[in-house]
Amino acid sequence: MRLFRCRLGQRLCNRLGLCMILLLGAGPATAASTVEVHQFTDPAIEARYYGLIDELRCPKCQNTNLAGSDAPIAQDLRATVYRLLIEEGMSDTQIRRYLVDRYGEFVLYDPPFNAYTAALWLLPLLALGIGIVLVRRFTKAPELMALTPEEGARLAELDRDA
């Protein structure tokens, strides 16, 4: 028994089926990412490694840490952190300094306060201060002025007439 009686229905069904196969077949291929396996003998060093790659920023992705980026530069930096940690035995501070020397303070998610980052740290405080001043200025109650005796008498007279 034929499901479709016309050629247009068959073509449409065949094309939709082909599109579905392509979409579903391409899904797992695009979802796969590289998996790096590093051997750690000490759980403390492993925790330091994952702590470092969580707090260092990928230079290419800009808003992703090294742990969450699949960019080639992030893979290289993860390998560098592993090498510096395991093979060269550097401390976390030395590793951060090593990466900052090569990539600038941009690789740090929490940049230190210095002359270069002062604007980054102080502009939000300045904006908050300006906002508070503006809110106080526009929500301030108007000042009440005392009436002179003549003005008070005139007001009482107008009130009686009304």
Protein backbone atom coordinates (compact mmCIF):
# COMPACT_ATOMS: atom_id res chain seq x y z
CA MET A 1 0.00 0.00 0.00
CA ARG A 2 1.34 3.39 -0.93
CA LEU A 3 1.40 5.97 1.81
CA PHE A 4 1.32 8.94 -0.55
CA ARG A 5 -0.62 9.07 -3.77
CA CYS A 6 1.31 11.97 -5.30
CA ARG A 7 4.97 12.54 -6.04
CA LEU A 8 5.02 15.87 -4.20
CA GLY A 9 4.05 14.17 -0.94
CA GLN A 10 6.76 11.54 -1.38
CA ARG A 11 9.42 14.14 -2.16
CA LEU A 12 8.43 16.23 0.81
CA CYS A 13 8.50 13.22 3.10
CA ASN A 14 11.88 12.10 1.76
CA ARG A 15 13.39 15.57 2.20
CA LEU A 16 12.02 15.98 5.72
CA GLY A 17 13.36 12.55 6.62
CA LEU A 18 16.78 13.42 5.20
CA CYS A 19 16.81 16.72 7.12
CA MET A 20 15.91 14.92 10.35
CA ILE A 21 18.64 12.35 9.83
CA LEU A 22 21.20 15.07 9.17
CA LEU A 23 20.13 17.15 12.16
CA LEU A 24 20.01 14.24 14.58
CA GLY A 25 23.20 12.75 13.23
CA ALA A 26 25.09 16.03 13.50
CA GLY A 27 23.98 16.66 17.09
CA PRO A 28 26.32 14.24 18.85
CA ALA A 29 29.25 15.30 16.67
CA THR A 30 28.83 18.97 17.54
CA ALA A 31 28.17 18.28 21.21
CA ALA A 32 31.37 16.33 21.66
CA SER A 33 34.27 18.24 23.12
CA THR A 34 37.83 17.44 23.87
CA VAL A 35 38.50 15.66 27.11
CA GLU A 36 41.86 16.12 28.74
CA VAL A 37 43.01 13.50 31.18
CA HIS A 38 45.76 14.42 33.59
CA GLN A 39 47.18 12.04 36.13
CA PHE A 40 47.44 13.35 39.66
CA THR A 41 49.10 11.44 42.47
CA ASP A 42 48.11 13.91 45.16
CA PRO A 43 44.47 15.07 45.63
CA ALA A 44 45.74 18.42 46.98
CA ILE A 45 47.62 19.13 43.74
CA GLU A 46 44.58 18.07 41.72
CA ALA A 47 42.43 20.51 43.73
CA ARG A 48 45.00 23.28 43.13
CA TYR A 49 45.01 22.54 39.38
CA TYR A 50 41.22 22.69 39.08
CA GLY A 51 41.12 25.78 41.29
CA LEU A 52 43.62 27.54 39.05
CA ILE A 53 41.92 26.70 35.75
CA ASP A 54 38.59 27.80 37.28
CA GLU A 55 39.95 31.23 38.22
CA LEU A 56 41.97 31.93 35.06
CA ARG A 57 40.24 33.46 32.03
CA CYS A 58 40.56 32.20 28.47
CA PRO A 59 42.24 34.91 26.36
CA LYS A 60 40.12 34.05 23.32
CA CYS A 61 36.70 33.46 24.88
CA GLN A 62 36.99 36.47 27.21
CA ASN A 63 34.08 35.51 29.41
CA THR A 64 34.91 31.86 30.04
CA ASN A 65 37.42 30.35 32.37
CA LEU A 66 40.06 27.88 31.20
CA ALA A 67 38.06 24.95 32.57
CA GLY A 68 35.01 25.76 30.46
CA SER A 69 36.68 26.74 27.20
CA ASP A 70 37.40 24.47 24.23
CA ALA A 71 39.53 27.05 22.42
CA PRO A 72 43.00 25.84 21.40
CA ILE A 73 44.65 28.57 23.49
CA ALA A 74 42.71 27.38 26.56
CA GLN A 75 43.87 23.81 25.94
CA ASP A 76 47.46 25.06 25.72
CA LEU A 77 47.08 27.09 28.91
CA ARG A 78 45.61 24.12 30.78
CA ALA A 79 48.61 22.06 29.66
CA THR A 80 50.91 24.88 30.75
CA VAL A 81 49.28 25.09 34.18
CA TYR A 82 49.60 21.32 34.54
CA ARG A 83 53.27 21.41 33.49
CA LEU A 84 54.11 24.30 35.82
CA LEU A 85 52.29 22.66 38.70
CA ILE A 86 53.49 19.07 38.32
CA GLU A 87 56.82 19.20 36.53
CA GLU A 88 58.20 22.50 37.77
CA GLY A 89 56.51 22.52 41.18
CA MET A 90 55.53 26.20 41.09
CA SER A 91 53.19 27.70 43.65
CA ASP A 92 49.80 29.12 42.67
CA THR A 93 51.17 32.67 42.95
CA GLN A 94 54.12 31.85 40.70
CA ILE A 95 51.82 30.28 38.11
CA ARG A 96 49.54 33.32 38.13
CA ARG A 97 52.56 35.63 37.78
CA TYR A 98 53.92 33.49 34.91
CA LEU A 99 50.62 33.73 33.01
CA VAL A 100 50.15 37.44 33.75
CA ASP A 101 53.67 38.14 32.44
CA ARG A 102 52.75 36.49 29.15
CA TYR A 103 49.05 37.41 28.72
CA GLY A 104 48.55 40.44 30.94
CA GLU A 105 46.19 40.85 33.87
CA PHE A 106 43.30 40.01 31.58
CA VAL A 107 43.80 36.30 32.35
CA LEU A 108 42.82 36.95 35.97
CA TYR A 109 39.11 37.02 36.76
CA ASP A 110 39.88 38.98 39.93
CA PRO A 111 42.45 41.61 38.91
CA PRO A 112 44.47 43.21 41.73
CA PHE A 113 44.07 46.88 42.65
CA ASN A 114 46.87 48.91 41.07
CA ALA A 115 47.32 51.97 38.85
CA TYR A 116 46.13 50.07 35.75
CA THR A 117 42.97 48.66 37.32
CA ALA A 118 42.04 51.63 39.53
CA ALA A 119 39.32 52.75 37.10
CA LEU A 120 37.92 49.23 37.03
CA TRP A 121 37.56 49.22 40.80
CA LEU A 122 36.67 52.88 41.43
CA LEU A 123 34.23 53.73 38.62
CA PRO A 124 31.40 51.60 40.07
CA LEU A 125 31.85 53.35 43.44
CA LEU A 126 31.85 56.75 41.73
CA ALA A 127 28.69 55.87 39.79
CA LEU A 128 27.01 54.70 42.99
CA GLY A 129 27.93 57.96 44.74
CA ILE A 130 26.58 60.06 41.87
CA GLY A 131 23.39 58.01 41.86
CA ILE A 132 22.86 58.53 45.60
CA VAL A 133 23.41 62.30 45.25
CA LEU A 134 20.93 62.50 42.35
CA VAL A 135 18.28 60.45 44.15
CA ARG A 136 18.59 62.59 47.29
CA ARG A 137 18.45 65.77 45.23
CA PHE A 138 15.30 64.85 43.30
CA THR A 139 13.43 63.27 46.22
CA LYS A 140 14.18 66.05 48.69
CA ALA A 141 11.08 67.70 50.21
CA PRO A 142 10.70 71.36 49.26
CA GLU A 143 11.67 73.86 51.92
CA LEU A 144 8.74 75.53 53.70
CA MET A 145 8.89 79.25 54.05
CA ALA A 146 7.40 81.08 56.99
CA LEU A 147 4.70 83.63 56.18
CA THR A 148 5.04 87.21 57.25
CA PRO A 149 2.23 88.57 59.45
CA GLU A 150 0.80 90.52 56.50
CA GLU A 151 0.78 87.40 54.30
CA GLY A 152 -0.85 85.37 57.11
CA ALA A 153 -3.60 87.99 57.50
CA ARG A 154 -4.17 88.07 53.72
CA LEU A 155 -4.38 84.26 53.62
CA ALA A 156 -6.90 84.22 56.48
CA GLU A 157 -8.97 86.85 54.68
CA LEU A 158 -8.96 84.83 51.47
CA ASP A 159 -9.93 81.72 53.40
CA ARG A 160 -12.94 83.52 54.96
CA ASP A 161 -14.08 84.80 51.55
CA ALA A 162 -14.04 81.32 50.06
